[in-house]
Amino acid sequence: MRKIVAFLMQGDALALLVDALALLVDALALLADALALLADALALLADALALLADASALSVDALALSVDALALPNLQQFSCI
């Protein structure tokens, strides 16, 4: 009887090991997906930072144009205000 119980327990342990390995494979697949999402998020962040830099440069250019426009003589004759 003890041999039968030990054999059955060994079968249960093997089934648990198979389940654990399947869970490990699933966890590794989820980790790969998470790393891919992280890479995408970092690429989006880099794009956002580049857009911010472009917007800042445009703001500086706009400010310089405004300063230049204020320095123009007879500017008020072109004003719509």
C-alpha atoms as a PDB file:
ATOM      1  CA  MET A   1       0.000   0.000   0.000  1.00  0.00           C
ATOM      2  CA  ARG A   2       2.819   2.390   0.868  1.00  0.00           C
ATOM      3  CA  LYS A   3       4.365   1.843  -2.554  1.00  0.00           C
ATOM      4  CA  ILE A   4       1.087   2.701  -4.248  1.00  0.00           C
ATOM      5  CA  VAL A   5       0.714   5.876  -2.160  1.00  0.00           C
ATOM      6  CA  ALA A   6       4.328   6.832  -2.839  1.00  0.00           C
ATOM      7  CA  PHE A   7       3.817   6.200  -6.565  1.00  0.00           C
ATOM      8  CA  LEU A   8       0.663   8.321  -6.589  1.00  0.00           C
ATOM      9  CA  MET A   9       2.429  11.079  -4.681  1.00  0.00           C
ATOM     10  CA  GLN A  10       5.291  10.933  -7.130  1.00  0.00           C
ATOM     11  CA  GLY A  11       2.775  11.352  -9.972  1.00  0.00           C
ATOM     12  CA  ASP A  12       1.242  14.337  -8.188  1.00  0.00           C
ATOM     13  CA  ALA A  13       4.663  15.878  -7.674  1.00  0.00           C
ATOM     14  CA  LEU A  14       5.450  15.400 -11.369  1.00  0.00           C
ATOM     15  CA  ALA A  15       2.142  17.006 -12.345  1.00  0.00           C
ATOM     16  CA  LEU A  16       2.921  19.947 -10.054  1.00  0.00           C
ATOM     17  CA  LEU A  17       6.355  20.276 -11.635  1.00  0.00           C
ATOM     18  CA  VAL A  18       4.825  20.309 -15.126  1.00  0.00           C
ATOM     19  CA  ASP A  19       2.356  22.972 -13.980  1.00  0.00           C
ATOM     20  CA  ALA A  20       5.178  25.008 -12.440  1.00  0.00           C
ATOM     21  CA  LEU A  21       7.173  24.836 -15.662  1.00  0.00           C
ATOM     22  CA  ALA A  22       4.123  25.921 -17.676  1.00  0.00           C
ATOM     23  CA  LEU A  23       3.682  28.876 -15.297  1.00  0.00           C
ATOM     24  CA  LEU A  24       7.350  29.748 -15.708  1.00  0.00           C
ATOM     25  CA  VAL A  25       7.012  29.723 -19.502  1.00  0.00           C
ATOM     26  CA  ASP A  26       3.929  31.963 -19.216  1.00  0.00           C
ATOM     27  CA  ALA A  27       5.757  34.315 -16.841  1.00  0.00           C
ATOM     28  CA  LEU A  28       8.704  34.576 -19.226  1.00  0.00           C
ATOM     29  CA  ALA A  29       6.345  35.353 -22.115  1.00  0.00           C
ATOM     30  CA  LEU A  30       4.694  38.076 -20.010  1.00  0.00           C
ATOM     31  CA  LEU A  31       8.108  39.449 -19.123  1.00  0.00           C
ATOM     32  CA  ALA A  32       9.050  39.595 -22.806  1.00  0.00           C
ATOM     33  CA  ASP A  33       5.794  41.452 -23.524  1.00  0.00           C
ATOM     34  CA  ALA A  34       6.459  43.866 -20.656  1.00  0.00           C
ATOM     35  CA  LEU A  35       9.969  44.555 -21.947  1.00  0.00           C
ATOM     36  CA  ALA A  36       8.596  45.218 -25.431  1.00  0.00           C
ATOM     37  CA  LEU A  37       6.050  47.650 -23.964  1.00  0.00           C
ATOM     38  CA  LEU A  38       8.808  49.351 -21.992  1.00  0.00           C
ATOM     39  CA  ALA A  39      10.881  49.739 -25.155  1.00  0.00           C
ATOM     40  CA  ASP A  40       7.870  51.269 -26.922  1.00  0.00           C
ATOM     41  CA  ALA A  41       7.253  53.629 -23.987  1.00  0.00           C
ATOM     42  CA  LEU A  42      10.878  54.746 -24.014  1.00  0.00           C
ATOM     43  CA  ALA A  43      10.707  55.384 -27.758  1.00  0.00           C
ATOM     44  CA  LEU A  44       7.540  57.458 -27.258  1.00  0.00           C
ATOM     45  CA  LEU A  45       9.251  59.385 -24.477  1.00  0.00           C
ATOM     46  CA  ALA A  46      12.217  60.110 -26.742  1.00  0.00           C
ATOM     47  CA  ASP A  47       9.809  61.337 -29.438  1.00  0.00           C
ATOM     48  CA  ALA A  48       8.007  63.542 -26.910  1.00  0.00           C
ATOM     49  CA  LEU A  49      11.297  65.035 -25.743  1.00  0.00           C
ATOM     50  CA  ALA A  50      12.294  65.749 -29.341  1.00  0.00           C
ATOM     51  CA  LEU A  51       8.936  67.463 -29.921  1.00  0.00           C
ATOM     52  CA  LEU A  52       9.427  69.493 -26.760  1.00  0.00           C
ATOM     53  CA  ALA A  53      12.848  70.587 -27.963  1.00  0.00           C
ATOM     54  CA  ASP A  54      11.370  71.575 -31.340  1.00  0.00           C
ATOM     55  CA  ALA A  55       8.566  73.499 -29.644  1.00  0.00           C
ATOM     56  CA  SER A  56      11.065  75.305 -27.430  1.00  0.00           C
ATOM     57  CA  ALA A  57      13.157  76.255 -30.458  1.00  0.00           C
ATOM     58  CA  LEU A  58      10.048  77.556 -32.226  1.00  0.00           C
ATOM     59  CA  SER A  59       9.150  79.610 -29.156  1.00  0.00           C
ATOM     60  CA  VAL A  60      12.610  81.148 -29.133  1.00  0.00           C
ATOM     61  CA  ASP A  61      12.308  81.923 -32.861  1.00  0.00           C
ATOM     62  CA  ALA A  62       8.865  83.468 -32.340  1.00  0.00           C
ATOM     63  CA  LEU A  63      10.172  85.625 -29.538  1.00  0.00           C
ATOM     64  CA  ALA A  64      13.087  86.775 -31.699  1.00  0.00           C
ATOM     65  CA  LEU A  65      10.675  87.647 -34.516  1.00  0.00           C
ATOM     66  CA  SER A  66       8.520  89.598 -32.082  1.00  0.00           C
ATOM     67  CA  VAL A  67      11.543  91.564 -30.889  1.00  0.00           C
ATOM     68  CA  ASP A  68      12.561  92.232 -34.495  1.00  0.00           C
ATOM     69  CA  ALA A  69       9.036  93.334 -35.365  1.00  0.00           C
ATOM     70  CA  LEU A  70       8.959  95.776 -32.464  1.00  0.00           C
ATOM     71  CA  ALA A  71      12.185  97.299 -33.706  1.00  0.00           C
ATOM     72  CA  LEU A  72      10.787  98.004 -37.189  1.00  0.00           C
ATOM     73  CA  PRO A  73      10.110 101.699 -37.910  1.00  0.00           C
ATOM     74  CA  ASN A  74       6.550 102.725 -38.746  1.00  0.00           C
ATOM     75  CA  LEU A  75       5.206  99.418 -37.463  1.00  0.00           C
ATOM     76  CA  GLN A  76       1.956 101.006 -36.383  1.00  0.00           C
ATOM     77  CA  GLN A  77       0.872 101.776 -39.932  1.00  0.00           C
ATOM     78  CA  PHE A  78       0.686  98.000 -40.561  1.00  0.00           C
ATOM     79  CA  SER A  79      -1.081  97.267 -37.335  1.00  0.00           C
ATOM     80  CA  CYS A  80      -4.665  96.075 -37.404  1.00  0.00           C
ATOM     81  CA  ILE A  81      -5.251  97.249 -33.871  1.00  0.00           C
END
